[in-house]
C-alpha atoms as a PDB file:
ATOM      1  CA  MET A   1      -2.502   4.269  13.481  1.00  0.00           C
ATOM      2  CA  ASP A   2      -5.592   2.335  14.647  1.00  0.00           C
ATOM      3  CA  LEU A   3      -4.928   0.869  18.110  1.00  0.00           C
ATOM      4  CA  LEU A   4      -5.531  -2.723  16.226  1.00  0.00           C
ATOM      5  CA  CYS A   5      -2.606  -2.108  14.398  1.00  0.00           C
ATOM      6  CA  ARG A   6       0.012  -1.275  16.947  1.00  0.00           C
ATOM      7  CA  VAL A   7      -1.111  -4.548  18.048  1.00  0.00           C
ATOM      8  CA  ILE A   8      -1.554  -7.329  15.767  1.00  0.00           C
ATOM      9  CA  GLY A   9      -0.195  -5.364  12.646  1.00  0.00           C
ATOM     10  CA  HIS A  10      -1.347  -3.796   9.553  1.00  0.00           C
ATOM     11  CA  LYS A  11      -3.530  -5.509   6.779  1.00  0.00           C
ATOM     12  CA  HIS A  12      -3.445  -5.040   3.150  1.00  0.00           C
ATOM     13  CA  ALA A  13      -6.766  -4.257   1.415  1.00  0.00           C
ATOM     14  CA  ARG A  14      -7.986  -6.111  -1.645  1.00  0.00           C
ATOM     15  CA  ARG A  15      -7.437  -3.615  -4.270  1.00  0.00           C
ATOM     16  CA  VAL A  16      -3.852  -3.587  -4.944  1.00  0.00           C
ATOM     17  CA  TRP A  17      -2.182  -2.192  -7.661  1.00  0.00           C
ATOM     18  CA  HIS A  18       1.670  -2.007  -9.078  1.00  0.00           C
ATOM     19  CA  ASP A  19       3.113   1.688  -8.829  1.00  0.00           C
ATOM     20  CA  GLY A  20       5.940   0.534 -11.568  1.00  0.00           C
ATOM     21  CA  VAL A  21       8.346  -0.554  -8.566  1.00  0.00           C
ATOM     22  CA  ASP A  22       6.307  -2.333  -6.008  1.00  0.00           C
ATOM     23  CA  PHE A  23       2.610  -3.625  -5.348  1.00  0.00           C
ATOM     24  CA  ARG A  24       0.686  -1.433  -3.132  1.00  0.00           C
ATOM     25  CA  ALA A  25      -2.204  -1.425  -1.139  1.00  0.00           C
ATOM     26  CA  ARG A  26      -3.881   1.025   1.813  1.00  0.00           C
ATOM     27  CA  CYS A  27      -4.555  -1.236   5.178  1.00  0.00           C
ATOM     28  CA  ALA A  28      -7.593  -2.091   5.609  1.00  0.00           C
ATOM     29  CA  ARG A  29      -7.458  -1.136   9.243  1.00  0.00           C
ATOM     30  CA  CYS A  30      -5.997   2.536   9.369  1.00  0.00           C
ATOM     31  CA  GLY A  31      -6.108   3.521   5.491  1.00  0.00           C
ATOM     32  CA  GLY A  32      -2.095   3.577   5.687  1.00  0.00           C
ATOM     33  CA  ASP A  33       0.038   3.362   2.675  1.00  0.00           C
ATOM     34  CA  MET A  34       2.297  -0.369   2.044  1.00  0.00           C
ATOM     35  CA  LEU A  35       3.839  -2.071  -0.019  1.00  0.00           C
ATOM     36  CA  ARG A  36       5.199  -5.461  -0.520  1.00  0.00           C
ATOM     37  CA  ASP A  37       8.285  -6.006   0.334  1.00  0.00           C
ATOM     38  CA  GLY A  38       9.972  -8.829  -1.328  1.00  0.00           C
ATOM     39  CA  VAL A  39      13.279  -8.277   0.247  1.00  0.00           C
ATOM     40  CA  HIS A  40      11.706  -9.078   3.945  1.00  0.00           C
ATOM     41  CA  GLY A  41       8.877 -10.912   2.523  1.00  0.00           C
ATOM     42  CA  GLY A  42       5.511  -9.504   3.425  1.00  0.00           C
ATOM     43  CA  TRP A  43       3.733  -5.861   3.497  1.00  0.00           C
ATOM     44  CA  ARG A  44       5.176  -3.049   5.699  1.00  0.00           C
ATOM     45  CA  LEU A  45       4.127   1.090   5.293  1.00  0.00           C
ATOM     46  CA  PHE A  46       4.941   3.021   2.707  1.00  0.00           C
ATOM     47  CA  ASP A  47       7.950   4.634   4.316  1.00  0.00           C
ATOM     48  CA  PRO A  48       7.886   8.461   1.866  1.00  0.00           C
ATOM     49  CA  ALA A  49      11.291   9.276   3.017  1.00  0.00           C
ATOM     50  CA  GLY A  50      13.039   5.697   2.594  1.00  0.00           C
ATOM     51  CA  ASP A  51      10.826   3.956  -0.397  1.00  0.00           C
ATOM     52  CA  ALA A  52      10.671   7.318  -2.874  1.00  0.00           C
ATOM     53  CA  ASP A  53      11.277   6.975  -6.105  1.00  0.00           C
ATOM     54  CA  PRO A  54      10.687   8.912  -9.602  1.00  0.00           C
ATOM     55  CA  ILE A  55       9.564   6.129 -11.461  1.00  0.00           C
ATOM     56  CA  ARG A  56       6.596   5.143  -8.989  1.00  0.00           C
ATOM     57  CA  MET A  57       3.248   6.140 -10.556  1.00  0.00           C
ATOM     58  CA  GLU A  58       0.566   7.788  -8.442  1.00  0.00           C
ATOM     59  CA  LYS A  59      -2.556   5.061  -7.505  1.00  0.00           C
ATOM     60  CA  PRO A  60      -4.595   4.512 -10.532  1.00  0.00           C
ATOM     61  CA  ALA A  61      -8.207   6.632 -10.123  1.00  0.00           C
ATOM     62  CA  ASN A  62     -11.635   4.768  -9.277  1.00  0.00           C
ATOM     63  CA  ARG A  63     -13.261   4.016 -12.930  1.00  0.00           C
ATOM     64  CA  SER A  64     -16.669   3.918 -13.690  1.00  0.00           C
ATOM     65  CA  HIS A  65     -18.089   0.998 -14.887  1.00  0.00           C
ATOM     66  CA  ALA A  66     -20.916   3.123 -16.546  1.00  0.00           C
ATOM     67  CA  GLY A  67     -22.884   1.428 -19.769  1.00  0.00           C
END
């Protein structure tokens, strides 16, 4: 984890996707997987052990916008 994340917390990146359960993003500082926690009202790191759900979809691949 990045030192800045330890001191002031994670910052979600601008690219956000919905995985079928929650909105997800990467941390702009350390690259950790994050999810928007509707219960606690904010972004937090994704916990594979506690957040695992068979209906979650993988992050969509970047699509090329070529002609």
